[in-house]
Amino acid sequence: MTRSLISIISLTIGIALLVVVSILGYDRWRIERLAETARQEAEQRRAKDEAQRSDHNARIAALRAADKVADPLKRCLEFPDVPPLHWSPAFIAERCRLTALDIITVEQIDAMLAAGDNAGVDATFQDYAMQDASDPKRRGILFRAYEQRFESSNPVIGGVIERWVKASPHSAYALAARGVFRVRTAAEARGSRRTVDTPQENFETMKRLMADAESDLRASLAIKSDFIVPATYLIPAAARLRGSREEIAELGRKAIAIAPDEYRAYIFWSKEASPMWGGSSEELAEIANAAKAREDGNPLMALVAARVRYFNALSPRGRLSLDDYIEILAVAPDNFALDNMGYLPLSPADAPLMTPLVRFEPTVENYMLAASALKKAGQSEWSHEYAVRAADLGSPTTPNLESYAEALTATSQFEAAVALNQKMIEVNPRNLDAMTALIVLYEDHLKRHDDAVAMAHRMLEAYPDSSTAWVMLAYTQKRTDTAEYCKSMNRAYPTEPRYRWDFENICAPKEDDRSSSRSNGGQRGQHSGGK
């Protein structure tokens, strides 16, 4: 009996041990399997990340290589798409065709006028008008010539136009050129971006220049009633001068009746129809529907749809997210959206989204807009490449002198940048951006502290209520006079010091100051008096 019991116990123990061993073995196998699965998943993630990095780097390399192609049409067409943005082949072909159009330069116009051939200048633009109406390969050339050559406040360009008008005072083309130039000059004369910071003198100068622009544009239309350029630029001129909704809508309808396939007429009207500037969503819908009806004949009408979507998204919120911008840009590469998207905190992976700016309009201005966005996105080398490109493209007849000066500064050509900013101030003594640029150039790059302080005071005299002016004065005092720095920052941001990260650290009362104040019964002494 005892032996049987022992056998049973031994068998039970054996079975139990076998079960335990089996369980332990299974657990070990399971653990090993889980570890192997985790290892494989980690390897797959690494491989996926590496493939994404490789794809990202290859895309950037392709974008940078495409930008170096010499032929304008081939260059534009060879730019790779930037996911998730994919536009139709018809749109890209038409947009690149427009980009690559060969148009007369300001230097060529100047040379012809110097030779007494003002009739030849007029004949060139008459030829553009005929090509625009009859040759699909040259469609849009007339408007593009004015937009690219004369939409500027550069005094060199203005001087050439004045000589043209003097030589051909009854030329619709010369008068339109001066009108376009004056519209841009008037807009820039406004100065500050915020109405609250803008002195009345700026508004008065803007209106005076805009009235001159309107006079030129109407005179041009009186000579040539089917001229789309003055018909279109009258829209912003009237908006700045009178702001009548009925007049703006009437001018918009007249412009698109003259040239129903000229997408820029719709674009100009849509800006003034935005609810942000007194327009309405109903007016924007009218513009979008009219453009949509012409899209089969001109794929570039998609740009109107994108612009209208931009204004509709912006008006109720005032600020858009990256997803908002991508939704707009998926329709078409709208310049407003691309420009403003560059102010977002983009990641390195998002940086290629900025390249349509220079793909379709490789101007000094767009290279610098893209360079700024790329730098913020952590693409410093690529950003510098674009800044160099902008500086190389620039010349005395660059339409946007401010962007050219920025390019010169970014490529360490500081004295040339100073000269350009000084030229802008000669033209417009209240040029806030040029004064700001000069202060930074003097203070940081050329170590001309006294000149920086003098320019800061000049800015403050012109804009006594501008937070920007007080910040720039503070900027010149930060390294030399803490009390003046704090005083200026208090004037700039009386309730919002967070706009300067070091403001509280530098200007807040020190602990020993607070202790001294408490020990003196809270009386204000020398420490607080120096603030």
Protein backbone atom coordinates (compact mmCIF):
# COMPACT_ATOMS: atom_id res chain seq x y z
CA MET A 1 0.00 0.00 0.00
CA THR A 2 2.78 2.34 0.96
CA ARG A 3 4.66 1.52 -2.20
CA SER A 4 1.59 2.23 -4.31
CA LEU A 5 1.10 5.55 -2.57
CA ILE A 6 4.72 6.47 -3.17
CA SER A 7 4.36 5.54 -6.85
CA ILE A 8 1.25 7.67 -7.17
CA ILE A 9 2.95 10.62 -5.47
CA SER A 10 6.03 10.22 -7.67
CA LEU A 11 3.89 10.04 -10.79
CA THR A 12 1.95 13.12 -9.71
CA ILE A 13 5.12 15.02 -9.01
CA GLY A 14 6.51 13.93 -12.37
CA ILE A 15 3.41 15.05 -14.16
CA ALA A 16 3.46 18.33 -12.27
CA LEU A 17 7.08 18.89 -13.14
CA LEU A 18 6.34 18.04 -16.73
CA VAL A 19 3.51 20.54 -16.76
CA VAL A 20 5.67 23.21 -15.13
CA VAL A 21 8.50 22.58 -17.57
CA SER A 22 6.03 22.69 -20.45
CA ILE A 23 4.56 25.96 -19.19
CA LEU A 24 7.96 27.49 -18.64
CA GLY A 25 9.03 26.35 -22.05
CA TYR A 26 5.93 27.80 -23.64
CA ASP A 27 6.40 31.08 -21.79
CA ARG A 28 10.00 31.24 -22.92
CA TRP A 29 8.96 30.47 -26.47
CA ARG A 30 6.22 33.08 -26.24
CA ILE A 31 8.60 35.66 -24.83
CA GLU A 32 11.10 34.93 -27.55
CA ARG A 33 8.37 35.22 -30.17
CA LEU A 34 7.20 38.53 -28.74
CA ALA A 35 10.76 39.80 -28.64
CA GLU A 36 11.30 38.72 -32.24
CA THR A 37 8.05 40.40 -33.30
CA ALA A 38 9.04 43.61 -31.50
CA ARG A 39 12.47 43.47 -33.12
CA GLN A 40 10.94 42.98 -36.56
CA GLU A 41 8.47 45.85 -35.98
CA ALA A 42 11.27 48.14 -34.82
CA GLU A 43 13.31 47.17 -37.88
CA GLN A 44 10.32 47.87 -40.11
CA ARG A 45 9.85 51.27 -38.46
CA ARG A 46 13.54 52.04 -38.92
CA ALA A 47 13.37 50.95 -42.53
CA LYS A 48 10.24 53.04 -43.08
CA ASP A 49 11.82 56.09 -41.42
CA GLU A 50 14.96 55.62 -43.46
CA ALA A 51 12.93 55.29 -46.66
CA GLN A 52 11.02 58.47 -45.78
CA ARG A 53 14.26 60.32 -45.05
CA SER A 54 15.76 59.06 -48.26
CA ASP A 55 12.65 60.04 -50.21
CA HIS A 56 12.59 63.45 -48.52
CA ASN A 57 16.27 64.08 -49.27
CA ALA A 58 15.85 62.92 -52.86
CA ARG A 59 12.88 65.27 -53.31
CA ILE A 60 14.83 68.22 -51.93
CA ALA A 61 17.77 67.37 -54.18
CA ALA A 62 15.43 67.21 -57.18
CA LEU A 63 13.82 70.54 -56.26
CA ARG A 64 17.19 72.23 -55.87
CA ALA A 65 18.45 70.72 -59.12
CA ALA A 66 15.34 71.83 -61.03
CA ASP A 67 15.84 75.39 -59.83
CA LYS A 68 19.25 75.49 -61.53
CA VAL A 69 17.93 74.61 -65.01
CA ALA A 70 18.69 77.55 -67.32
CA ASP A 71 15.78 77.33 -69.78
CA PRO A 72 12.74 78.96 -68.08
CA LEU A 73 10.11 76.60 -69.50
CA LYS A 74 12.13 73.43 -68.91
CA ARG A 75 13.01 74.63 -65.41
CA CYS A 76 9.36 75.12 -64.46
CA LEU A 77 8.21 71.83 -65.96
CA GLU A 78 10.99 69.80 -64.31
CA PHE A 79 10.11 70.84 -60.76
CA PRO A 80 8.79 67.70 -59.04
CA ASP A 81 5.41 67.72 -57.35
CA VAL A 82 5.44 68.24 -53.59
CA PRO A 83 3.06 65.83 -51.85
CA PRO A 84 0.28 66.25 -50.97
CA LEU A 85 0.06 68.95 -53.68
CA HIS A 86 -0.62 67.58 -57.16
CA TRP A 87 -1.99 69.82 -59.90
CA SER A 88 -3.29 68.74 -63.27
CA PRO A 89 -0.83 68.48 -66.18
CA ALA A 90 -2.94 71.04 -68.06
CA PHE A 91 -2.63 73.56 -65.21
CA ILE A 92 1.14 73.05 -64.86
CA ALA A 93 1.73 73.31 -68.60
CA GLU A 94 -0.25 76.56 -68.82
CA ARG A 95 1.30 78.07 -65.69
CA CYS A 96 4.82 77.22 -66.84
CA ARG A 97 4.08 78.61 -70.31
CA LEU A 98 3.08 81.92 -68.75
CA THR A 99 6.18 81.97 -66.53
CA ALA A 100 8.48 81.41 -69.50
CA LEU A 101 7.08 84.16 -71.74
CA ASP A 102 9.85 86.39 -73.03
CA ILE A 103 8.93 90.04 -72.38
CA ILE A 104 10.71 93.33 -72.89
CA THR A 105 12.87 94.54 -69.99
CA VAL A 106 12.94 97.99 -68.41
CA GLU A 107 16.55 98.35 -69.62
CA GLN A 108 15.45 97.65 -73.19
CA ILE A 109 12.65 100.20 -72.92
CA ASP A 110 15.09 102.75 -71.55
CA ALA A 111 17.54 102.12 -74.41
CA MET A 112 14.81 102.51 -77.03
CA LEU A 113 13.64 105.77 -75.47
CA ALA A 114 17.22 107.06 -75.30
CA ALA A 115 17.49 106.36 -79.03
CA GLY A 116 14.28 108.32 -79.68
CA ASP A 117 12.32 105.17 -80.54
CA ASN A 118 9.28 105.74 -78.34
CA ALA A 119 7.12 104.53 -81.24
CA GLY A 120 8.99 101.24 -81.08
CA VAL A 121 8.13 100.87 -77.37
CA ASP A 122 4.46 101.50 -78.11
CA ALA A 123 4.60 99.04 -81.03
CA THR A 124 6.00 96.34 -78.72
CA PHE A 125 3.04 96.61 -76.39
CA GLN A 126 0.60 96.85 -79.29
CA ASP A 127 2.11 93.61 -80.54
CA TYR A 128 1.62 92.03 -77.11
CA ALA A 129 -2.05 93.02 -77.24
CA MET A 130 -2.48 91.37 -80.63
CA GLN A 131 -0.63 88.22 -79.54
CA ASP A 132 -2.74 88.06 -76.38
CA ALA A 133 -5.93 88.06 -78.42
CA SER A 134 -4.89 85.72 -81.23
CA ASP A 135 -2.08 83.34 -80.19
CA PRO A 136 -2.76 80.74 -77.44
CA LYS A 137 0.97 80.35 -76.92
CA ARG A 138 1.24 84.04 -76.04
CA ARG A 139 -1.99 84.46 -74.11
CA GLY A 140 -1.54 86.59 -71.01
CA ILE A 141 1.63 88.29 -72.26
CA LEU A 142 0.22 91.83 -72.16
CA PHE A 143 -0.88 91.69 -68.53
CA ARG A 144 2.27 89.82 -67.53
CA ALA A 145 4.49 92.51 -69.03
CA TYR A 146 2.83 95.19 -66.89
CA GLU A 147 2.68 93.07 -63.76
CA GLN A 148 6.33 92.01 -63.98
CA ARG A 149 7.89 95.26 -65.17
CA PHE A 150 5.84 98.17 -63.81
CA GLU A 151 4.17 97.02 -60.58
CA SER A 152 6.88 98.63 -58.48
CA SER A 153 7.91 101.68 -56.48
CA ASN A 154 11.52 101.54 -57.68
CA PRO A 155 12.42 105.14 -58.68
CA VAL A 156 14.62 103.90 -61.53
CA ILE A 157 11.60 102.20 -63.10
CA GLY A 158 9.49 105.27 -62.38
CA GLY A 159 12.03 107.46 -64.18
CA VAL A 160 11.93 105.27 -67.30
CA ILE A 161 8.12 105.38 -67.31
CA GLU A 162 8.11 109.17 -66.96
CA ARG A 163 10.38 109.47 -69.99
CA TRP A 164 8.03 107.20 -71.92
CA VAL A 165 4.97 109.26 -71.00
CA LYS A 166 6.79 112.49 -71.87
CA ALA A 167 7.76 111.08 -75.29
CA SER A 168 4.29 109.55 -75.91
CA PRO A 169 1.77 111.56 -73.84
CA HIS A 170 -1.21 110.07 -75.68
CA SER A 171 -0.05 106.46 -75.54
CA ALA A 172 -2.54 104.21 -73.74
CA TYR A 173 0.35 101.84 -73.00
CA ALA A 174 2.59 104.52 -71.44
CA LEU A 175 -0.23 105.95 -69.33
CA ALA A 176 -1.19 102.47 -68.13
CA ALA A 177 2.43 101.81 -67.14
CA ARG A 178 2.52 104.95 -65.03
CA GLY A 179 -0.86 104.11 -63.52
CA VAL A 180 0.31 100.63 -62.49
CA PHE A 181 3.50 102.09 -61.04
CA ARG A 182 1.55 104.67 -59.06
CA VAL A 183 -0.89 102.09 -57.67
CA ARG A 184 2.01 100.12 -56.16
CA THR A 185 3.80 103.28 -54.98
CA ALA A 186 0.63 104.54 -53.31
CA ALA A 187 0.06 101.23 -51.54
CA GLU A 188 3.60 101.27 -50.15
CA ALA A 189 3.26 104.89 -49.05
CA ARG A 190 0.70 103.76 -46.50
CA GLY A 191 3.65 102.51 -44.45
CA SER A 192 2.57 100.60 -41.36
CA ARG A 193 0.64 97.36 -41.68
CA ARG A 194 -1.71 98.20 -38.80
CA THR A 195 -4.23 101.00 -39.20
CA VAL A 196 -3.88 101.95 -35.54
CA ASP A 197 -0.13 102.57 -36.05
CA THR A 198 -0.49 104.52 -39.30
CA PRO A 199 -0.31 108.33 -39.09
CA GLN A 200 -2.87 110.33 -41.03
CA GLU A 201 -0.09 111.78 -43.17
CA ASN A 202 0.53 108.33 -44.65
CA PHE A 203 -3.10 107.92 -45.63
CA GLU A 204 -3.10 111.36 -47.22
CA THR A 205 0.02 110.56 -49.26
CA MET A 206 -1.46 107.23 -50.32
CA LYS A 207 -4.69 108.86 -51.49
CA ARG A 208 -2.87 111.59 -53.38
CA LEU A 209 -0.71 109.06 -55.25
CA MET A 210 -3.69 106.77 -55.82
CA ALA A 211 -5.69 109.64 -57.29
CA ASP A 212 -2.84 110.25 -59.74
CA ALA A 213 -2.84 106.53 -60.55
CA GLU A 214 -6.59 106.52 -61.17
CA SER A 215 -6.26 109.53 -63.48
CA ASP A 216 -3.62 107.73 -65.59
CA LEU A 217 -5.61 104.49 -65.72
CA ARG A 218 -8.83 106.22 -66.78
CA ALA A 219 -6.94 108.24 -69.41
CA SER A 220 -5.48 105.02 -70.79
CA LEU A 221 -8.94 103.42 -70.98
CA ALA A 222 -10.35 106.50 -72.68
CA ILE A 223 -7.81 105.97 -75.47
CA LYS A 224 -8.13 102.16 -75.61
CA SER A 225 -11.44 101.01 -74.14
CA ASP A 226 -10.65 97.27 -74.35
CA PHE A 227 -7.35 97.52 -72.44
CA ILE A 228 -7.57 94.96 -69.63
CA VAL A 229 -4.59 96.23 -67.62
CA PRO A 230 -5.94 99.69 -66.64
CA ALA A 231 -9.43 98.23 -66.29
CA THR A 232 -8.08 95.78 -63.69
CA TYR A 233 -5.83 98.17 -61.74
CA LEU A 234 -8.71 100.62 -61.41
CA ILE A 235 -10.29 98.16 -58.96
CA PRO A 236 -7.72 98.61 -56.13
CA ALA A 237 -7.37 102.31 -56.96
CA ALA A 238 -11.09 102.92 -56.46
CA ALA A 239 -11.13 100.74 -53.36
CA ARG A 240 -8.38 102.79 -51.69
CA LEU A 241 -9.87 106.13 -52.72
CA ARG A 242 -13.57 105.65 -52.05
CA GLY A 243 -14.30 102.10 -50.96
CA SER A 244 -17.74 102.02 -52.57
CA ARG A 245 -18.94 98.41 -52.79
CA GLU A 246 -21.12 99.19 -55.79
CA GLU A 247 -18.26 100.86 -57.69
CA ILE A 248 -15.82 98.03 -56.92
CA ALA A 249 -18.28 95.39 -58.14
CA GLU A 250 -19.05 97.43 -61.25
CA LEU A 251 -15.34 97.80 -62.08
CA GLY A 252 -14.80 94.09 -61.48
CA ARG A 253 -17.61 93.13 -63.85
CA LYS A 254 -16.33 95.54 -66.50
CA ALA A 255 -12.81 94.11 -66.28
CA ILE A 256 -13.87 90.50 -66.76
CA ALA A 257 -16.22 91.55 -69.56
CA ILE A 258 -13.21 93.02 -71.40
CA ALA A 259 -11.09 89.87 -70.94
CA PRO A 260 -13.15 86.97 -69.58
CA ASP A 261 -10.17 84.58 -69.77
CA GLU A 262 -7.69 86.85 -67.95
CA TYR A 263 -7.59 85.22 -64.51
CA ARG A 264 -5.80 88.19 -62.90
CA ALA A 265 -8.85 90.42 -63.37
CA TYR A 266 -10.82 88.00 -61.16
CA ILE A 267 -7.93 87.83 -58.66
CA PHE A 268 -7.79 91.63 -58.29
CA TRP A 269 -11.54 91.88 -57.84
CA SER A 270 -11.59 89.03 -55.28
CA LYS A 271 -9.16 90.85 -52.98
CA GLU A 272 -11.39 93.91 -52.78
CA ALA A 273 -14.46 91.66 -52.42
CA SER A 274 -13.07 89.88 -49.35
CA PRO A 275 -15.23 90.23 -46.23
CA MET A 276 -12.03 91.23 -44.41
CA TRP A 277 -12.05 94.51 -46.35
CA GLY A 278 -15.73 95.29 -46.49
CA GLY A 279 -16.79 92.81 -49.17
CA SER A 280 -19.06 89.80 -48.81
CA SER A 281 -19.12 86.06 -49.33
CA GLU A 282 -21.87 86.62 -51.93
CA GLU A 283 -19.57 88.84 -54.01
CA LEU A 284 -16.77 86.26 -53.72
CA ALA A 285 -19.19 83.56 -54.86
CA GLU A 286 -20.08 85.64 -57.92
CA ILE A 287 -16.39 85.91 -58.81
CA ALA A 288 -15.73 82.21 -58.21
CA ASN A 289 -18.70 81.16 -60.34
CA ALA A 290 -17.74 83.48 -63.19
CA ALA A 291 -14.18 82.10 -63.17
CA LYS A 292 -15.38 78.49 -62.95
CA ALA A 293 -17.43 79.00 -66.11
CA ARG A 294 -14.18 79.82 -67.98
CA GLU A 295 -12.00 77.06 -66.50
CA ASP A 296 -12.35 74.74 -69.50
CA GLY A 297 -10.83 77.43 -71.70
CA ASN A 298 -8.15 78.49 -69.23
CA PRO A 299 -6.89 76.08 -66.53
CA LEU A 300 -5.38 79.03 -64.65
CA MET A 301 -8.87 79.94 -63.46
CA ALA A 302 -8.15 77.40 -60.71
CA LEU A 303 -6.04 80.16 -59.15
CA VAL A 304 -9.21 82.21 -58.71
CA ALA A 305 -10.89 79.31 -56.90
CA ALA A 306 -7.88 78.99 -54.59
CA ARG A 307 -7.82 82.73 -53.85
CA VAL A 308 -11.55 82.83 -53.09
CA ARG A 309 -11.16 79.82 -50.81
CA TYR A 310 -8.30 81.61 -49.07
CA PHE A 311 -10.37 84.71 -48.37
CA ASN A 312 -13.40 82.69 -47.29
CA ALA A 313 -11.26 80.70 -44.83
CA LEU A 314 -9.40 83.73 -43.50
CA SER A 315 -12.26 86.17 -42.98
CA PRO A 316 -13.99 84.51 -39.96
CA ARG A 317 -10.77 83.43 -38.21
CA GLY A 318 -7.99 85.79 -39.17
CA ARG A 319 -5.43 82.98 -38.91
CA LEU A 320 -5.06 79.67 -40.74
CA SER A 321 -3.42 76.37 -39.84
CA LEU A 322 -1.07 74.36 -42.03
CA ASP A 323 -3.94 72.02 -42.90
CA ASP A 324 -6.00 75.05 -44.02
CA TYR A 325 -3.19 76.20 -46.30
CA ILE A 326 -2.70 72.75 -47.78
CA GLU A 327 -6.43 72.53 -48.51
CA ILE A 328 -6.23 75.84 -50.40
CA LEU A 329 -3.00 74.97 -52.20
CA ALA A 330 -4.41 71.61 -53.27
CA VAL A 331 -6.70 73.64 -55.56
CA ALA A 332 -3.88 75.76 -57.05
CA PRO A 333 -0.56 77.33 -55.93
CA ASP A 334 -1.99 80.65 -54.75
CA ASN A 335 0.71 83.20 -53.93
CA PHE A 336 -1.18 84.71 -50.98
CA ALA A 337 -1.47 81.30 -49.35
CA LEU A 338 2.14 80.36 -50.10
CA ASP A 339 3.43 83.67 -48.75
CA ASN A 340 1.47 83.54 -45.50
CA MET A 341 2.09 79.84 -44.95
CA GLY A 342 5.77 80.76 -44.66
CA TYR A 343 5.03 82.50 -41.35
CA LEU A 344 3.96 79.22 -39.73
CA PRO A 345 6.44 77.13 -37.72
CA LEU A 346 7.08 74.65 -40.54
CA SER A 347 9.01 71.44 -39.90
CA PRO A 348 11.96 70.42 -42.12
CA ALA A 349 9.64 67.92 -43.82
CA ASP A 350 7.19 70.74 -44.64
CA ALA A 351 9.85 72.97 -46.21
CA PRO A 352 9.33 71.77 -49.81
CA LEU A 353 5.77 73.13 -49.67
CA MET A 354 7.26 76.60 -50.21
CA THR A 355 8.91 75.80 -53.55
CA PRO A 356 5.88 76.58 -55.79
CA LEU A 357 6.61 80.24 -54.96
CA VAL A 358 9.81 80.13 -56.99
CA ARG A 359 8.75 77.44 -59.42
CA PHE A 360 6.04 79.58 -60.99
CA GLU A 361 7.38 83.08 -60.21
CA PRO A 362 11.18 83.03 -59.81
CA THR A 363 11.45 86.65 -58.65
CA VAL A 364 13.73 88.26 -56.08
CA GLU A 365 10.72 88.75 -53.81
CA ASN A 366 9.61 85.12 -53.96
CA TYR A 367 13.11 83.75 -53.46
CA MET A 368 13.41 85.80 -50.29
CA LEU A 369 9.96 84.78 -49.04
CA ALA A 370 10.90 81.14 -49.58
CA ALA A 371 14.36 81.65 -48.06
CA SER A 372 12.81 83.06 -44.88
CA ALA A 373 10.40 80.11 -44.56
CA LEU A 374 13.14 77.57 -45.26
CA LYS A 375 15.36 79.07 -42.58
CA LYS A 376 12.58 78.84 -39.99
CA ALA A 377 11.99 75.25 -41.08
CA GLY A 378 15.58 74.33 -40.27
CA GLN A 379 16.80 74.25 -43.88
CA SER A 380 19.61 76.81 -43.48
CA GLU A 381 21.75 75.68 -46.41
CA TRP A 382 18.80 75.63 -48.78
CA SER A 383 17.65 79.01 -47.44
CA HIS A 384 21.06 80.55 -48.11
CA GLU A 385 21.02 79.10 -51.63
CA TYR A 386 17.77 80.93 -52.33
CA ALA A 387 19.10 84.17 -50.82
CA VAL A 388 22.15 83.98 -53.09
CA ARG A 389 19.84 83.34 -56.04
CA ALA A 390 17.78 86.42 -55.10
CA ALA A 391 20.88 88.60 -54.78
CA ASP A 392 22.14 87.41 -58.16
CA LEU A 393 18.78 88.12 -59.81
CA GLY A 394 18.58 91.61 -58.37
CA SER A 395 19.52 94.73 -60.32
CA PRO A 396 18.88 98.50 -60.30
CA THR A 397 15.53 97.79 -61.99
CA THR A 398 14.35 95.10 -59.59
CA PRO A 399 10.65 95.84 -58.95
CA ASN A 400 10.81 95.01 -55.23
CA LEU A 401 13.76 96.92 -53.77
CA GLU A 402 12.93 95.82 -50.23
CA SER A 403 13.39 92.15 -51.12
CA TYR A 404 16.57 92.92 -53.02
CA ALA A 405 17.96 94.73 -49.96
CA GLU A 406 17.04 91.72 -47.80
CA ALA A 407 18.91 89.46 -50.22
CA LEU A 408 21.99 91.69 -50.07
CA THR A 409 21.87 91.62 -46.27
CA ALA A 410 21.44 87.83 -46.19
CA THR A 411 24.52 87.44 -48.39
CA SER A 412 26.61 89.84 -46.22
CA GLN A 413 26.63 92.68 -48.76
CA PHE A 414 25.86 95.16 -46.01
CA GLU A 415 27.03 98.43 -47.54
CA ALA A 416 25.05 97.73 -50.73
CA ALA A 417 21.99 96.92 -48.60
CA VAL A 418 22.39 100.23 -46.74
CA ALA A 419 22.57 102.15 -50.02
CA LEU A 420 19.40 100.47 -51.30
CA ASN A 421 17.44 101.14 -48.11
CA GLN A 422 18.60 104.75 -48.16
CA LYS A 423 17.32 105.04 -51.74
CA MET A 424 13.92 103.75 -50.62
CA ILE A 425 13.80 106.37 -47.85
CA GLU A 426 14.68 109.11 -50.35
CA VAL A 427 11.62 108.10 -52.36
CA ASN A 428 9.40 107.63 -49.30
CA PRO A 429 10.78 109.37 -46.18
CA ARG A 430 8.25 107.47 -44.06
CA ASN A 431 9.26 103.98 -45.27
CA LEU A 432 8.94 101.96 -42.07
CA ASP A 433 10.50 98.76 -43.45
CA ALA A 434 13.54 100.55 -44.85
CA MET A 435 14.12 102.37 -41.56
CA THR A 436 13.83 99.09 -39.65
CA ALA A 437 16.31 97.41 -41.98
CA LEU A 438 18.79 100.28 -41.61
CA ILE A 439 18.63 100.14 -37.82
CA VAL A 440 19.52 96.44 -37.86
CA LEU A 441 22.26 96.96 -40.44
CA TYR A 442 23.83 99.82 -38.46
CA GLU A 443 23.51 98.19 -35.04
CA ASP A 444 24.35 94.56 -35.80
CA HIS A 445 26.40 94.37 -38.97
CA LEU A 446 28.27 97.66 -39.37
CA LYS A 447 28.66 98.61 -35.68
CA ARG A 448 27.42 102.14 -36.35
CA HIS A 449 25.53 102.53 -33.09
CA ASP A 450 25.01 106.30 -33.28
CA ASP A 451 23.50 105.96 -36.78
CA ALA A 452 21.20 103.20 -35.53
CA VAL A 453 19.98 105.37 -32.64
CA ALA A 454 19.46 108.35 -34.94
CA MET A 455 17.40 106.25 -37.36
CA ALA A 456 15.36 104.82 -34.48
CA HIS A 457 14.49 108.34 -33.34
CA ARG A 458 13.62 109.29 -36.91
CA MET A 459 11.24 106.32 -37.07
CA LEU A 460 9.68 107.32 -33.75
CA GLU A 461 9.11 110.87 -35.01
CA ALA A 462 7.30 109.48 -38.04
CA TYR A 463 5.38 106.79 -36.09
CA PRO A 464 5.02 108.01 -32.48
CA ASP A 465 2.26 105.50 -31.65
CA SER A 466 3.81 102.48 -33.36
CA SER A 467 4.88 99.55 -31.20
CA THR A 468 7.40 98.72 -33.94
CA ALA A 469 9.07 102.12 -33.59
CA TRP A 470 9.39 101.77 -29.81
CA VAL A 471 10.72 98.22 -30.15
CA MET A 472 13.37 99.39 -32.60
CA LEU A 473 14.44 102.17 -30.24
CA ALA A 474 14.67 99.57 -27.47
CA TYR A 475 16.72 97.39 -29.81
CA THR A 476 19.37 100.11 -30.09
CA GLN A 477 19.49 100.56 -26.29
CA LYS A 478 19.58 96.97 -25.09
CA ARG A 479 23.36 96.66 -24.99
CA THR A 480 24.10 100.20 -23.83
CA ASP A 481 21.28 101.56 -21.63
CA THR A 482 19.06 99.12 -19.74
CA ALA A 483 16.86 101.86 -18.31
CA GLU A 484 16.11 103.27 -21.79
CA TYR A 485 15.56 99.74 -23.10
CA CYS A 486 12.97 99.01 -20.40
CA LYS A 487 11.29 102.38 -20.85
CA SER A 488 10.94 101.81 -24.60
CA MET A 489 9.68 98.25 -24.18
CA ASN A 490 7.06 99.45 -21.71
CA ARG A 491 5.87 101.93 -24.34
CA ALA A 492 5.87 99.23 -27.03
CA TYR A 493 4.03 96.57 -25.01
CA PRO A 494 2.44 98.18 -21.94
CA THR A 495 0.22 95.15 -21.28
CA GLU A 496 1.92 92.38 -23.27
CA PRO A 497 5.62 92.04 -22.39
CA ARG A 498 5.57 88.41 -23.50
CA TYR A 499 6.22 89.61 -27.05
CA ARG A 500 9.87 89.94 -26.02
CA TRP A 501 11.05 86.84 -24.20
CA ASP A 502 13.75 88.61 -22.18
CA PHE A 503 11.68 91.64 -21.21
CA GLU A 504 10.62 90.42 -17.76
CA ASN A 505 14.05 88.98 -17.04
CA ILE A 506 15.85 92.25 -17.82
CA CYS A 507 13.31 94.82 -16.69
CA ALA A 508 11.45 93.22 -13.74
CA PRO A 509 12.43 94.56 -10.31
CA LYS A 510 15.14 92.42 -8.71
CA GLU A 511 14.44 90.55 -5.48
CA ASP A 512 16.71 92.82 -3.45
CA ASP A 513 14.85 95.82 -4.92
CA ARG A 514 11.52 94.39 -3.78
CA SER A 515 12.93 93.63 -0.33
CA SER A 516 14.31 97.16 -0.02
CA SER A 517 10.96 98.56 -1.06
CA ARG A 518 9.15 96.50 1.58
CA SER A 519 11.61 97.51 4.30
CA ASN A 520 11.01 101.18 3.43
CA GLY A 521 7.27 100.85 3.84
CA GLY A 522 6.67 100.42 0.13
CA GLN A 523 8.05 103.87 -0.76
CA ARG A 524 9.37 104.31 -4.29
CA GLY A 525 13.11 104.90 -4.21
CA GLN A 526 16.02 105.16 -6.62
CA HIS A 527 15.64 101.62 -7.96
CA SER A 528 12.06 102.05 -9.19
CA GLY A 529 12.72 105.61 -10.29
CA GLY A 530 15.32 104.36 -12.76
CA LYS A 531 12.88 102.12 -14.57
